[in-house]
């Protein structure tokens, strides 16, 4: 879990966004929302936007606010 937090933190700090599918593919993370909460609790400012795919499934896209 800690290594996923570090990897996701570095990803966001590089100016990129992340969504649950990217987190699973890139970092093996099934619970992105939990990792985002850990990062927020550690002091990062992270925003999200809810999106909808072509099948109507909703998902969150996260990014760091600098």
C-alpha atoms as a PDB file:
ATOM      1  CA  UNK A   1       0.000   0.000   0.000  1.00  0.00           C
ATOM      2  CA  UNK A   2       2.760   2.459   0.906  1.00  0.00           C
ATOM      3  CA  UNK A   3       4.549   1.836  -2.401  1.00  0.00           C
ATOM      4  CA  UNK A   4       1.302   2.481  -4.282  1.00  0.00           C
ATOM      5  CA  UNK A   5       0.899   5.751  -2.368  1.00  0.00           C
ATOM      6  CA  UNK A   6       4.425   6.796  -3.333  1.00  0.00           C
ATOM      7  CA  UNK A   7       3.954   5.846  -6.980  1.00  0.00           C
ATOM      8  CA  UNK A   8       0.599   7.619  -7.271  1.00  0.00           C
ATOM      9  CA  UNK A   9       1.981  10.670  -5.450  1.00  0.00           C
ATOM     10  CA  UNK A  10       4.911  10.883  -7.892  1.00  0.00           C
ATOM     11  CA  UNK A  11       2.509  10.479 -10.818  1.00  0.00           C
ATOM     12  CA  UNK A  12       0.305  13.341  -9.600  1.00  0.00           C
ATOM     13  CA  UNK A  13       3.296  15.543  -8.707  1.00  0.00           C
ATOM     14  CA  UNK A  14       4.521  15.204 -12.299  1.00  0.00           C
ATOM     15  CA  UNK A  15       1.383  17.072 -13.376  1.00  0.00           C
ATOM     16  CA  UNK A  16      -0.561  14.084 -14.674  1.00  0.00           C
ATOM     17  CA  UNK A  17      -4.126  13.054 -13.927  1.00  0.00           C
ATOM     18  CA  UNK A  18      -5.149   9.563 -12.862  1.00  0.00           C
ATOM     19  CA  UNK A  19      -8.336   7.525 -13.011  1.00  0.00           C
ATOM     20  CA  UNK A  20      -9.119   4.081 -11.561  1.00  0.00           C
ATOM     21  CA  UNK A  21      -8.320   2.170 -14.767  1.00  0.00           C
ATOM     22  CA  UNK A  22      -4.928   3.886 -15.132  1.00  0.00           C
ATOM     23  CA  UNK A  23      -4.187   3.170 -11.454  1.00  0.00           C
ATOM     24  CA  UNK A  24      -4.965  -0.510 -11.931  1.00  0.00           C
ATOM     25  CA  UNK A  25      -2.904  -0.863 -15.099  1.00  0.00           C
ATOM     26  CA  UNK A  26       0.065   1.279 -14.038  1.00  0.00           C
ATOM     27  CA  UNK A  27       0.291   0.576 -10.306  1.00  0.00           C
ATOM     28  CA  UNK A  28      -1.802  -2.544  -9.626  1.00  0.00           C
ATOM     29  CA  UNK A  29      -4.098  -0.398  -7.487  1.00  0.00           C
ATOM     30  CA  UNK A  30      -7.690  -1.623  -7.157  1.00  0.00           C
ATOM     31  CA  UNK A  31      -8.695   1.055  -4.605  1.00  0.00           C
ATOM     32  CA  UNK A  32      -7.605   4.407  -6.021  1.00  0.00           C
ATOM     33  CA  UNK A  33     -10.074   6.388  -3.889  1.00  0.00           C
ATOM     34  CA  UNK A  34      -8.490   4.933  -0.734  1.00  0.00           C
ATOM     35  CA  UNK A  35      -4.983   5.838  -1.940  1.00  0.00           C
ATOM     36  CA  UNK A  36      -6.188   9.376  -2.782  1.00  0.00           C
ATOM     37  CA  UNK A  37      -7.606   9.683   0.749  1.00  0.00           C
ATOM     38  CA  UNK A  38      -4.237   8.594   2.195  1.00  0.00           C
ATOM     39  CA  UNK A  39      -2.474  11.244   0.110  1.00  0.00           C
ATOM     40  CA  UNK A  40      -4.985  13.941   1.102  1.00  0.00           C
ATOM     41  CA  UNK A  41      -4.577  12.972   4.772  1.00  0.00           C
ATOM     42  CA  UNK A  42      -0.812  13.405   4.368  1.00  0.00           C
ATOM     43  CA  UNK A  43      -1.318  16.991   3.157  1.00  0.00           C
ATOM     44  CA  UNK A  44      -1.630  16.820  -0.632  1.00  0.00           C
ATOM     45  CA  UNK A  45      -4.314  18.947  -2.247  1.00  0.00           C
ATOM     46  CA  UNK A  46      -6.076  16.767  -4.795  1.00  0.00           C
ATOM     47  CA  UNK A  47      -9.165  17.603  -6.825  1.00  0.00           C
ATOM     48  CA  UNK A  48     -11.467  15.298  -8.755  1.00  0.00           C
ATOM     49  CA  UNK A  49     -13.943  15.478 -11.579  1.00  0.00           C
ATOM     50  CA  UNK A  50     -16.586  12.845 -12.205  1.00  0.00           C
ATOM     51  CA  UNK A  51     -16.787  11.642 -15.809  1.00  0.00           C
ATOM     52  CA  UNK A  52     -18.946   9.167 -17.683  1.00  0.00           C
ATOM     53  CA  UNK A  53     -17.776   6.658 -20.278  1.00  0.00           C
ATOM     54  CA  UNK A  54     -19.607   5.709 -23.475  1.00  0.00           C
ATOM     55  CA  UNK A  55     -21.557   3.012 -21.590  1.00  0.00           C
ATOM     56  CA  UNK A  56     -22.781   5.419 -18.923  1.00  0.00           C
ATOM     57  CA  UNK A  57     -20.380   4.172 -16.231  1.00  0.00           C
ATOM     58  CA  UNK A  58     -19.182   6.977 -13.945  1.00  0.00           C
ATOM     59  CA  UNK A  59     -15.585   7.299 -12.737  1.00  0.00           C
ATOM     60  CA  UNK A  60     -13.387   9.916 -11.073  1.00  0.00           C
ATOM     61  CA  UNK A  61     -10.353  11.661 -12.543  1.00  0.00           C
ATOM     62  CA  UNK A  62      -7.924  13.047  -9.951  1.00  0.00           C
ATOM     63  CA  UNK A  63      -5.152  15.671 -10.156  1.00  0.00           C
ATOM     64  CA  UNK A  64      -2.934  17.578  -7.771  1.00  0.00           C
ATOM     65  CA  UNK A  65      -3.655  21.250  -7.133  1.00  0.00           C
ATOM     66  CA  UNK A  66      -0.426  23.202  -6.832  1.00  0.00           C
END
